[in-house]
Amino acid sequence: MTPSGPARAPSLAPHSDTITRRFKQLAAAAGLPEIDLHDVRHSYATAGRDARIDWKALSQRIGHADVAFTMKQYVQTDLEADRRVANTLAELIIGGSLASVERTGAA
């Protein structure tokens, strides 16, 4: 017993720096480009979104209780989906296409 309450058992989890260092070693050994471990979370969430994985399940898998937080923090904008939405709405409204799939150098 400590002055602030019952004594806690020591954590057996490795320090986050140890995990990061090991990840970088494994990635380098596999010949992968250098990437921050935290960026893997973004890629994981984005791949889950693209595969239409249930948001609640995905959020729980990456350790979040709030689905909205997962969606705001870990999912990059899907530009292709945005183009499809713009084109679908343009077709409905004006019968034309607003967003091109390819960008040209012309402004």
Protein backbone atom coordinates (compact mmCIF):
# COMPACT_ATOMS: atom_id res chain seq x y z
CA MET A 1 0.00 0.00 0.00
CA THR A 2 1.32 3.44 -0.93
CA PRO A 3 0.23 6.79 0.57
CA SER A 4 -1.94 7.41 -2.51
CA GLY A 5 -3.61 3.99 -2.51
CA PRO A 6 -2.90 0.37 -3.30
CA ALA A 7 0.35 -0.49 -5.04
CA ARG A 8 0.04 -1.29 -8.73
CA ALA A 9 1.75 -4.13 -10.54
CA PRO A 10 4.48 -2.96 -12.92
CA SER A 11 3.45 -2.73 -16.57
CA LEU A 12 4.76 -5.47 -18.82
CA ALA A 13 4.11 -3.47 -21.99
CA PRO A 14 7.23 -2.27 -23.81
CA HIS A 15 7.94 1.45 -23.97
CA SER A 16 6.59 3.14 -27.11
CA ASP A 17 10.13 4.15 -28.16
CA THR A 18 11.11 0.47 -28.13
CA ILE A 19 8.22 -0.38 -30.45
CA THR A 20 9.02 2.52 -32.78
CA ARG A 21 12.71 1.60 -32.94
CA ARG A 22 11.89 -2.05 -33.70
CA PHE A 23 9.37 -1.04 -36.38
CA LYS A 24 11.98 1.12 -38.11
CA GLN A 25 14.51 -1.74 -37.99
CA LEU A 26 12.04 -4.21 -39.50
CA ALA A 27 10.93 -1.77 -42.21
CA ALA A 28 14.55 -1.02 -43.17
CA ALA A 29 15.42 -4.73 -43.24
CA ALA A 30 12.43 -5.32 -45.55
CA GLY A 31 13.63 -2.53 -47.86
CA LEU A 32 10.57 -0.38 -47.21
CA PRO A 33 10.68 3.41 -47.40
CA GLU A 34 11.02 5.22 -44.09
CA ILE A 35 7.63 5.94 -42.52
CA ASP A 36 6.58 6.97 -39.05
CA LEU A 37 4.78 4.26 -37.14
CA HIS A 38 1.91 6.65 -36.43
CA ASP A 39 1.42 7.07 -40.20
CA VAL A 40 0.65 3.36 -40.33
CA ARG A 41 -2.50 4.12 -38.31
CA HIS A 42 -3.62 6.57 -41.00
CA SER A 43 -2.99 4.01 -43.72
CA TYR A 44 -4.76 1.29 -41.73
CA ALA A 45 -7.83 3.46 -41.17
CA THR A 46 -7.87 4.60 -44.80
CA ALA A 47 -7.59 1.01 -46.05
CA GLY A 48 -10.44 0.06 -43.72
CA ARG A 49 -12.54 2.90 -45.08
CA ASP A 50 -11.80 1.90 -48.67
CA ALA A 51 -12.76 -1.70 -47.87
CA ARG A 52 -16.00 -0.42 -46.34
CA ILE A 53 -15.17 -1.86 -42.92
CA ASP A 54 -17.71 -0.93 -40.24
CA TRP A 55 -16.57 2.36 -38.68
CA LYS A 56 -17.35 1.27 -35.12
CA ALA A 57 -15.30 -1.92 -35.52
CA LEU A 58 -12.44 -0.03 -37.17
CA SER A 59 -12.47 2.61 -34.43
CA GLN A 60 -12.26 -0.06 -31.74
CA ARG A 61 -9.42 -1.87 -33.56
CA ILE A 62 -7.25 1.24 -33.46
CA GLY A 63 -8.15 1.90 -29.83
CA HIS A 64 -10.74 4.65 -30.03
CA ALA A 65 -14.07 4.74 -28.24
CA ASP A 66 -15.44 7.51 -30.45
CA VAL A 67 -16.10 6.74 -34.11
CA ALA A 68 -16.25 10.45 -35.03
CA PHE A 69 -12.75 10.97 -33.61
CA THR A 70 -11.41 8.13 -35.75
CA MET A 71 -13.01 9.57 -38.86
CA LYS A 72 -11.68 13.08 -38.19
CA GLN A 73 -8.18 12.13 -37.13
CA TYR A 74 -7.15 9.09 -39.11
CA VAL A 75 -8.82 9.17 -42.51
CA GLN A 76 -7.36 11.23 -45.32
CA THR A 77 -9.63 12.78 -47.88
CA ASP A 78 -10.54 10.41 -50.67
CA LEU A 79 -10.06 12.68 -53.70
CA GLU A 80 -11.41 10.14 -56.16
CA ALA A 81 -14.61 9.74 -54.13
CA ASP A 82 -14.87 13.53 -53.95
CA ARG A 83 -14.60 13.74 -57.75
CA ARG A 84 -17.32 11.11 -58.17
CA VAL A 85 -19.64 13.06 -55.86
CA ALA A 86 -18.95 16.32 -57.71
CA ASN A 87 -19.54 14.71 -61.10
CA THR A 88 -22.72 12.92 -60.00
CA LEU A 89 -24.17 16.14 -58.60
CA ALA A 90 -23.10 18.10 -61.68
CA GLU A 91 -24.82 15.55 -63.89
CA LEU A 92 -27.99 15.80 -61.82
CA ILE A 93 -27.98 19.59 -61.71
CA ILE A 94 -26.61 20.76 -65.04
CA GLY A 95 -26.09 17.64 -67.09
CA GLY A 96 -22.30 18.09 -67.20
CA SER A 97 -19.08 17.27 -65.43
CA LEU A 98 -17.40 19.66 -62.98
CA ALA A 99 -14.39 17.73 -61.67
CA SER A 100 -11.97 16.09 -64.05
CA VAL A 101 -10.20 12.89 -63.09
CA GLU A 102 -6.94 14.16 -64.57
CA ARG A 103 -5.35 17.52 -63.88
CA THR A 104 -3.58 19.38 -66.61
CA GLY A 105 -0.91 22.03 -66.19
CA ALA A 106 -3.29 24.68 -67.52
CA ALA A 107 -5.03 26.91 -65.02
